[in-house]
Amino acid sequence: MDRRSKHLISEERGVIFAKHNRGSNQRSIGQFLHRPARTICHDLAQGRREDGTYCPHVARLVYTASRARCRQRKLVEGSDLYR
């Protein structure tokens, strides 16, 4: 199954956390998960805490917040843009 265009799930973030803590690089984590190394890099950057460590829960919260911002909103009847 090709997972290139799918979003990361919680279990994959857990694997990223475990392998990153063991010292694995992004390319090897990506190969293990069958994901591009850039996806791993992006998730590691998204889930970075203030102290610099990766937290899968933080990565999920940032992902959810960014998805909420990018979704298209329907025009509300009676608004300035609605005609």
PDB file of N, CA and C in Angstrom:
ATOM      1  N   MET A   1       0.842  -1.187   0.000  1.00  0.00           N
ATOM      2  CA  MET A   1       0.000   0.000   0.000  1.00  0.00           C
ATOM      3  C   MET A   1       0.885   1.247   0.000  1.00  0.00           C
ATOM      4  N   ASP A   2       0.622   2.142  -0.916  1.00  0.00           N
ATOM      5  CA  ASP A   2       1.415   3.364  -1.014  1.00  0.00           C
ATOM      6  C   ASP A   2       0.880   4.400  -0.035  1.00  0.00           C
ATOM      7  N   ARG A   3       1.721   4.825   0.884  1.00  0.00           N
ATOM      8  CA  ARG A   3       1.296   5.746   1.933  1.00  0.00           C
ATOM      9  C   ARG A   3       1.809   7.160   1.700  1.00  0.00           C
ATOM     10  N   ARG A   4       2.351   7.451   0.527  1.00  0.00           N
ATOM     11  CA  ARG A   4       2.962   8.750   0.299  1.00  0.00           C
ATOM     12  C   ARG A   4       1.984   9.902   0.459  1.00  0.00           C
ATOM     13  N   SER A   5       0.759   9.738   0.024  1.00  0.00           N
ATOM     14  CA  SER A   5      -0.169  10.862   0.047  1.00  0.00           C
ATOM     15  C   SER A   5      -1.093  10.856   1.260  1.00  0.00           C
ATOM     16  N   LYS A   6      -0.876   9.969   2.190  1.00  0.00           N
ATOM     17  CA  LYS A   6      -1.729   9.880   3.369  1.00  0.00           C
ATOM     18  C   LYS A   6      -1.107  10.640   4.537  1.00  0.00           C
ATOM     19  N   HIS A   7      -1.933  11.034   5.471  1.00  0.00           N
ATOM     20  CA  HIS A   7      -1.463  11.738   6.656  1.00  0.00           C
ATOM     21  C   HIS A   7      -0.914  10.736   7.672  1.00  0.00           C
ATOM     22  N   LEU A   8      -0.014  11.212   8.514  1.00  0.00           N
ATOM     23  CA  LEU A   8       0.539  10.354   9.558  1.00  0.00           C
ATOM     24  C   LEU A   8      -0.533  10.033  10.594  1.00  0.00           C
ATOM     25  N   ILE A   9      -0.510   8.807  11.077  1.00  0.00           N
ATOM     26  CA  ILE A   9      -1.431   8.416  12.138  1.00  0.00           C
ATOM     27  C   ILE A   9      -0.653   8.350  13.456  1.00  0.00           C
ATOM     28  N   SER A  10      -1.370   8.215  14.545  1.00  0.00           N
ATOM     29  CA  SER A  10      -0.757   8.239  15.874  1.00  0.00           C
ATOM     30  C   SER A  10       0.305   7.166  16.052  1.00  0.00           C
ATOM     31  N   GLU A  11       0.052   5.973  15.529  1.00  0.00           N
ATOM     32  CA  GLU A  11       1.013   4.883  15.670  1.00  0.00           C
ATOM     33  C   GLU A  11       2.323   5.221  14.955  1.00  0.00           C
ATOM     34  N   GLU A  12       2.218   5.859  13.791  1.00  0.00           N
ATOM     35  CA  GLU A  12       3.428   6.253  13.062  1.00  0.00           C
ATOM     36  C   GLU A  12       4.200   7.321  13.823  1.00  0.00           C
ATOM     37  N   ARG A  13       3.478   8.242  14.448  1.00  0.00           N
ATOM     38  CA  ARG A  13       4.157   9.257  15.265  1.00  0.00           C
ATOM     39  C   ARG A  13       4.853   8.608  16.465  1.00  0.00           C
ATOM     40  N   GLY A  14       4.252   7.555  17.006  1.00  0.00           N
ATOM     41  CA  GLY A  14       4.884   6.814  18.098  1.00  0.00           C
ATOM     42  C   GLY A  14       6.166   6.138  17.644  1.00  0.00           C
ATOM     43  N   VAL A  15       6.168   5.587  16.438  1.00  0.00           N
ATOM     44  CA  VAL A  15       7.369   4.964  15.883  1.00  0.00           C
ATOM     45  C   VAL A  15       8.442   6.028  15.654  1.00  0.00           C
ATOM     46  N   ILE A  16       8.039   7.179  15.135  1.00  0.00           N
ATOM     47  CA  ILE A  16       8.993   8.271  14.930  1.00  0.00           C
ATOM     48  C   ILE A  16       9.619   8.666  16.264  1.00  0.00           C
ATOM     49  N   PHE A  17       8.806   8.780  17.299  1.00  0.00           N
ATOM     50  CA  PHE A  17       9.294   9.136  18.632  1.00  0.00           C
ATOM     51  C   PHE A  17      10.316   8.122  19.129  1.00  0.00           C
ATOM     52  N   ALA A  18       9.965   6.839  19.051  1.00  0.00           N
ATOM     53  CA  ALA A  18      10.842   5.786  19.570  1.00  0.00           C
ATOM     54  C   ALA A  18      12.153   5.713  18.791  1.00  0.00           C
ATOM     55  N   LYS A  19      12.057   5.714  17.476  1.00  0.00           N
ATOM     56  CA  LYS A  19      13.268   5.591  16.659  1.00  0.00           C
ATOM     57  C   LYS A  19      14.138   6.842  16.748  1.00  0.00           C
ATOM     58  N   HIS A  20      13.524   8.008  16.843  1.00  0.00           N
ATOM     59  CA  HIS A  20      14.294   9.250  16.981  1.00  0.00           C
ATOM     60  C   HIS A  20      15.044   9.263  18.316  1.00  0.00           C
ATOM     61  N   ASN A  21      14.402   8.781  19.372  1.00  0.00           N
ATOM     62  CA  ASN A  21      15.063   8.711  20.682  1.00  0.00           C
ATOM     63  C   ASN A  21      16.214   7.710  20.695  1.00  0.00           C
ATOM     64  N   ARG A  22      16.133   6.692  19.846  1.00  0.00           N
ATOM     65  CA  ARG A  22      17.217   5.708  19.748  1.00  0.00           C
ATOM     66  C   ARG A  22      18.356   6.196  18.866  1.00  0.00           C
ATOM     67  N   GLY A  23      18.165   7.351  18.226  1.00  0.00           N
ATOM     68  CA  GLY A  23      19.240   7.921  17.416  1.00  0.00           C
ATOM     69  C   GLY A  23      19.136   7.638  15.932  1.00  0.00           C
ATOM     70  N   SER A  24      18.034   7.081  15.477  1.00  0.00           N
ATOM     71  CA  SER A  24      17.864   6.822  14.046  1.00  0.00           C
ATOM     72  C   SER A  24      17.716   8.141  13.289  1.00  0.00           C
ATOM     73  N   ASN A  25      18.222   8.159  12.063  1.00  0.00           N
ATOM     74  CA  ASN A  25      18.083   9.374  11.271  1.00  0.00           C
ATOM     75  C   ASN A  25      16.744   9.371  10.532  1.00  0.00           C
ATOM     76  N   GLN A  26      16.410  10.509   9.947  1.00  0.00           N
ATOM     77  CA  GLN A  26      15.114  10.674   9.303  1.00  0.00           C
ATOM     78  C   GLN A  26      14.941   9.743   8.113  1.00  0.00           C
ATOM     79  N   ARG A  27      16.000   9.523   7.373  1.00  0.00           N
ATOM     80  CA  ARG A  27      15.910   8.650   6.204  1.00  0.00           C
ATOM     81  C   ARG A  27      15.586   7.206   6.608  1.00  0.00           C
ATOM     82  N   SER A  28      16.240   6.706   7.652  1.00  0.00           N
ATOM     83  CA  SER A  28      15.972   5.322   8.077  1.00  0.00           C
ATOM     84  C   SER A  28      14.575   5.184   8.675  1.00  0.00           C
ATOM     85  N   ILE A  29      14.114   6.209   9.392  1.00  0.00           N
ATOM     86  CA  ILE A  29      12.743   6.178   9.922  1.00  0.00           C
ATOM     87  C   ILE A  29      11.751   6.186   8.762  1.00  0.00           C
ATOM     88  N   GLY A  30      12.001   7.020   7.770  1.00  0.00           N
ATOM     89  CA  GLY A  30      11.130   7.081   6.601  1.00  0.00           C
ATOM     90  C   GLY A  30      11.090   5.770   5.846  1.00  0.00           C
ATOM     91  N   GLN A  31      12.239   5.133   5.691  1.00  0.00           N
ATOM     92  CA  GLN A  31      12.273   3.841   5.010  1.00  0.00           C
ATOM     93  C   GLN A  31      11.493   2.783   5.795  1.00  0.00           C
ATOM     94  N   PHE A  32      11.615   2.815   7.114  1.00  0.00           N
ATOM     95  CA  PHE A  32      10.891   1.857   7.957  1.00  0.00           C
ATOM     96  C   PHE A  32       9.382   2.033   7.820  1.00  0.00           C
ATOM     97  N   LEU A  33       8.930   3.289   7.759  1.00  0.00           N
ATOM     98  CA  LEU A  33       7.499   3.592   7.670  1.00  0.00           C
ATOM     99  C   LEU A  33       6.996   3.684   6.231  1.00  0.00           C
ATOM    100  N   HIS A  34       7.908   3.541   5.257  1.00  0.00           N
ATOM    101  CA  HIS A  34       7.562   3.704   3.839  1.00  0.00           C
ATOM    102  C   HIS A  34       7.020   5.108   3.583  1.00  0.00           C
ATOM    103  N   ARG A  35       7.729   6.099   4.120  1.00  0.00           N
ATOM    104  CA  ARG A  35       7.381   7.502   3.980  1.00  0.00           C
ATOM    105  C   ARG A  35       8.610   8.263   3.508  1.00  0.00           C
ATOM    106  N   PRO A  36       8.405   9.393   2.830  1.00  0.00           N
ATOM    107  CA  PRO A  36       9.555  10.227   2.460  1.00  0.00           C
ATOM    108  C   PRO A  36      10.240  10.794   3.712  1.00  0.00           C
ATOM    109  N   ALA A  37      11.544  10.961   3.633  1.00  0.00           N
ATOM    110  CA  ALA A  37      12.296  11.508   4.764  1.00  0.00           C
ATOM    111  C   ALA A  37      11.815  12.917   5.100  1.00  0.00           C
ATOM    112  N   ARG A  38      11.354  13.663   4.100  1.00  0.00           N
ATOM    113  CA  ARG A  38      10.860  15.026   4.331  1.00  0.00           C
ATOM    114  C   ARG A  38       9.620  15.019   5.226  1.00  0.00           C
ATOM    115  N   THR A  39       8.781  14.005   5.095  1.00  0.00           N
ATOM    116  CA  THR A  39       7.599  13.887   5.957  1.00  0.00           C
ATOM    117  C   THR A  39       8.028  13.716   7.411  1.00  0.00           C
ATOM    118  N   ILE A  40       9.037  12.902   7.629  1.00  0.00           N
ATOM    119  CA  ILE A  40       9.553  12.675   8.983  1.00  0.00           C
ATOM    120  C   ILE A  40      10.161  13.965   9.521  1.00  0.00           C
ATOM    121  N   CYS A  41      10.935  14.644   8.683  1.00  0.00           N
ATOM    122  CA  CYS A  41      11.570  15.907   9.073  1.00  0.00           C
ATOM    123  C   CYS A  41      10.512  16.937   9.467  1.00  0.00           C
ATOM    124  N   HIS A  42       9.461  17.034   8.663  1.00  0.00           N
ATOM    125  CA  HIS A  42       8.403  18.004   8.931  1.00  0.00           C
ATOM    126  C   HIS A  42       7.691  17.681  10.237  1.00  0.00           C
ATOM    127  N   ASP A  43       7.411  16.412  10.487  1.00  0.00           N
ATOM    128  CA  ASP A  43       6.728  16.038  11.717  1.00  0.00           C
ATOM    129  C   ASP A  43       7.614  16.257  12.944  1.00  0.00           C
ATOM    130  N   LEU A  44       8.906  15.988  12.808  1.00  0.00           N
ATOM    131  CA  LEU A  44       9.832  16.249  13.914  1.00  0.00           C
ATOM    132  C   LEU A  44       9.883  17.737  14.235  1.00  0.00           C
ATOM    133  N   ALA A  45       9.822  18.573  13.209  1.00  0.00           N
ATOM    134  CA  ALA A  45       9.836  20.024  13.428  1.00  0.00           C
ATOM    135  C   ALA A  45       8.519  20.487  14.040  1.00  0.00           C
ATOM    136  N   GLN A  46       7.407  19.930  13.576  1.00  0.00           N
ATOM    137  CA  GLN A  46       6.093  20.306  14.106  1.00  0.00           C
ATOM    138  C   GLN A  46       5.930  19.925  15.567  1.00  0.00           C
ATOM    139  N   GLY A  47       6.471  18.794  15.942  1.00  0.00           N
ATOM    140  CA  GLY A  47       6.260  18.274  17.289  1.00  0.00           C
ATOM    141  C   GLY A  47       7.327  18.646  18.289  1.00  0.00           C
ATOM    142  N   ARG A  48       8.105  19.658  17.978  1.00  0.00           N
ATOM    143  CA  ARG A  48       9.195  20.047  18.870  1.00  0.00           C
ATOM    144  C   ARG A  48       8.659  20.867  20.050  1.00  0.00           C
ATOM    145  N   ARG A  49       9.028  20.427  21.243  1.00  0.00           N
ATOM    146  CA  ARG A  49       8.653  21.160  22.465  1.00  0.00           C
ATOM    147  C   ARG A  49       9.597  22.338  22.663  1.00  0.00           C
ATOM    148  N   GLU A  50       9.335  23.113  23.704  1.00  0.00           N
ATOM    149  CA  GLU A  50      10.194  24.262  24.015  1.00  0.00           C
ATOM    150  C   GLU A  50      11.607  23.831  24.365  1.00  0.00           C
ATOM    151  N   ASP A  51      11.753  22.643  24.970  1.00  0.00           N
ATOM    152  CA  ASP A  51      13.088  22.177  25.354  1.00  0.00           C
ATOM    153  C   ASP A  51      13.820  21.492  24.193  1.00  0.00           C
ATOM    154  N   GLY A  52      13.177  21.413  23.020  1.00  0.00           N
ATOM    155  CA  GLY A  52      13.830  20.863  21.837  1.00  0.00           C
ATOM    156  C   GLY A  52      13.583  19.395  21.578  1.00  0.00           C
ATOM    157  N   THR A  53      12.852  18.721  22.466  1.00  0.00           N
ATOM    158  CA  THR A  53      12.577  17.298  22.271  1.00  0.00           C
ATOM    159  C   THR A  53      11.298  17.118  21.458  1.00  0.00           C
ATOM    160  N   TYR A  54      11.168  15.963  20.808  1.00  0.00           N
ATOM    161  CA  TYR A  54       9.995  15.657  19.989  1.00  0.00           C
ATOM    162  C   TYR A  54       8.915  15.023  20.848  1.00  0.00           C
ATOM    163  N   CYS A  55       7.688  15.465  20.639  1.00  0.00           N
ATOM    164  CA  CYS A  55       6.542  14.897  21.337  1.00  0.00           C
ATOM    165  C   CYS A  55       5.455  14.604  20.306  1.00  0.00           C
ATOM    166  N   PRO A  56       5.057  13.347  20.147  1.00  0.00           N
ATOM    167  CA  PRO A  56       4.031  13.028  19.152  1.00  0.00           C
ATOM    168  C   PRO A  56       2.691  13.707  19.426  1.00  0.00           C
ATOM    169  N   HIS A  57       2.367  13.911  20.702  1.00  0.00           N
ATOM    170  CA  HIS A  57       1.112  14.578  21.043  1.00  0.00           C
ATOM    171  C   HIS A  57       1.128  16.031  20.567  1.00  0.00           C
ATOM    172  N   VAL A  58       2.236  16.713  20.758  1.00  0.00           N
ATOM    173  CA  VAL A  58       2.369  18.096  20.294  1.00  0.00           C
ATOM    174  C   VAL A  58       2.267  18.145  18.775  1.00  0.00           C
ATOM    175  N   ALA A  59       2.895  17.192  18.093  1.00  0.00           N
ATOM    176  CA  ALA A  59       2.834  17.145  16.626  1.00  0.00           C
ATOM    177  C   ALA A  59       1.393  16.995  16.160  1.00  0.00           C
ATOM    178  N   ARG A  60       0.633  16.154  16.837  1.00  0.00           N
ATOM    179  CA  ARG A  60      -0.773  15.956  16.470  1.00  0.00           C
ATOM    180  C   ARG A  60      -1.586  17.225  16.698  1.00  0.00           C
ATOM    181  N   LEU A  61      -1.345  17.915  17.811  1.00  0.00           N
ATOM    182  CA  LEU A  61      -2.079  19.150  18.094  1.00  0.00           C
ATOM    183  C   LEU A  61      -1.772  20.228  17.056  1.00  0.00           C
ATOM    184  N   VAL A  62      -0.513  20.360  16.678  1.00  0.00           N
ATOM    185  CA  VAL A  62      -0.126  21.351  15.665  1.00  0.00           C
ATOM    186  C   VAL A  62      -0.752  20.990  14.324  1.00  0.00           C
ATOM    187  N   TYR A  63      -0.730  19.709  13.978  1.00  0.00           N
ATOM    188  CA  TYR A  63      -1.332  19.238  12.730  1.00  0.00           C
ATOM    189  C   TYR A  63      -2.825  19.554  12.701  1.00  0.00           C
ATOM    190  N   THR A  64      -3.533  19.248  13.786  1.00  0.00           N
ATOM    191  CA  THR A  64      -4.968  19.481  13.857  1.00  0.00           C
ATOM    192  C   THR A  64      -5.292  20.969  13.740  1.00  0.00           C
ATOM    193  N   ALA A  65      -4.504  21.807  14.408  1.00  0.00           N
ATOM    194  CA  ALA A  65      -4.727  23.253  14.344  1.00  0.00           C
ATOM    195  C   ALA A  65      -4.490  23.783  12.931  1.00  0.00           C
ATOM    196  N   SER A  66      -3.460  23.297  12.257  1.00  0.00           N
ATOM    197  CA  SER A  66      -3.183  23.783  10.910  1.00  0.00           C
ATOM    198  C   SER A  66      -4.244  23.297   9.923  1.00  0.00           C
ATOM    199  N   ARG A  67      -4.772  22.089  10.123  1.00  0.00           N
ATOM    200  CA  ARG A  67      -5.842  21.586   9.256  1.00  0.00           C
ATOM    201  C   ARG A  67      -7.114  22.404   9.441  1.00  0.00           C
ATOM    202  N   ALA A  68      -7.386  22.820  10.661  1.00  0.00           N
ATOM    203  CA  ALA A  68      -8.590  23.615  10.916  1.00  0.00           C
ATOM    204  C   ALA A  68      -8.505  24.976  10.233  1.00  0.00           C
ATOM    205  N   ARG A  69      -7.304  25.539  10.163  1.00  0.00           N
ATOM    206  CA  ARG A  69      -7.130  26.851   9.532  1.00  0.00           C
ATOM    207  C   ARG A  69      -7.236  26.788   8.016  1.00  0.00           C
ATOM    208  N   CYS A  70      -6.842  25.673   7.407  1.00  0.00           N
ATOM    209  CA  CYS A  70      -6.764  25.635   5.953  1.00  0.00           C
ATOM    210  C   CYS A  70      -8.057  25.191   5.279  1.00  0.00           C
ATOM    211  N   ARG A  71      -8.999  24.717   6.027  1.00  0.00           N
ATOM    212  CA  ARG A  71     -10.240  24.256   5.408  1.00  0.00           C
ATOM    213  C   ARG A  71     -11.053  25.430   4.887  1.00  0.00           C
ATOM    214  N   GLN A  72     -11.669  25.238   3.721  1.00  0.00           N
ATOM    215  CA  GLN A  72     -12.484  26.289   3.141  1.00  0.00           C
ATOM    216  C   GLN A  72     -13.783  26.425   3.928  1.00  0.00           C
ATOM    217  N   ARG A  73     -14.184  27.633   4.115  1.00  0.00           N
ATOM    218  CA  ARG A  73     -15.418  27.914   4.822  1.00  0.00           C
ATOM    219  C   ARG A  73     -16.509  28.223   3.798  1.00  0.00           C
ATOM    220  N   LYS A  74     -17.696  27.808   4.083  1.00  0.00           N
ATOM    221  CA  LYS A  74     -18.813  28.158   3.217  1.00  0.00           C
ATOM    222  C   LYS A  74     -19.210  29.600   3.499  1.00  0.00           C
ATOM    223  N   LEU A  75     -19.660  30.270   2.477  1.00  0.00           N
ATOM    224  CA  LEU A  75     -20.117  31.639   2.662  1.00  0.00           C
ATOM    225  C   LEU A  75     -21.408  31.651   3.487  1.00  0.00           C
ATOM    226  N   VAL A  76     -21.460  32.589   4.388  1.00  0.00           N
ATOM    227  CA  VAL A  76     -22.636  32.729   5.246  1.00  0.00           C
ATOM    228  C   VAL A  76     -23.607  33.668   4.563  1.00  0.00           C
ATOM    229  N   GLU A  77     -24.859  33.242   4.463  1.00  0.00           N
ATOM    230  CA  GLU A  77     -25.874  34.068   3.823  1.00  0.00           C
ATOM    231  C   GLU A  77     -26.013  35.378   4.587  1.00  0.00           C
ATOM    232  N   GLY A  78     -26.004  36.474   3.851  1.00  0.00           N
ATOM    233  CA  GLY A  78     -26.133  37.792   4.462  1.00  0.00           C
ATOM    234  C   GLY A  78     -24.799  38.458   4.743  1.00  0.00           C
ATOM    235  N   SER A  79     -23.677  37.737   4.563  1.00  0.00           N
ATOM    236  CA  SER A  79     -22.364  38.360   4.788  1.00  0.00           C
ATOM    237  C   SER A  79     -22.006  39.256   3.605  1.00  0.00           C
ATOM    238  N   ASP A  80     -20.952  40.039   3.738  1.00  0.00           N
ATOM    239  CA  ASP A  80     -20.542  40.970   2.694  1.00  0.00           C
ATOM    240  C   ASP A  80     -20.164  40.253   1.403  1.00  0.00           C
ATOM    241  N   LEU A  81     -19.596  39.061   1.505  1.00  0.00           N
ATOM    242  CA  LEU A  81     -19.151  38.337   0.317  1.00  0.00           C
ATOM    243  C   LEU A  81     -20.281  37.566  -0.352  1.00  0.00           C
ATOM    244  N   TYR A  82     -21.362  37.342   0.345  1.00  0.00           N
ATOM    245  CA  TYR A  82     -22.453  36.560  -0.202  1.00  0.00           C
ATOM    246  C   TYR A  82     -23.294  37.422  -1.124  1.00  0.00           C
ATOM    247  N   ARG A  83     -23.526  36.972  -2.361  1.00  0.00           N
ATOM    248  CA  ARG A  83     -24.374  37.737  -3.304  1.00  0.00           C
ATOM    249  C   ARG A  83     -25.203  36.805  -4.113  1.00  0.00           C
TER     250      ARG A  83
END
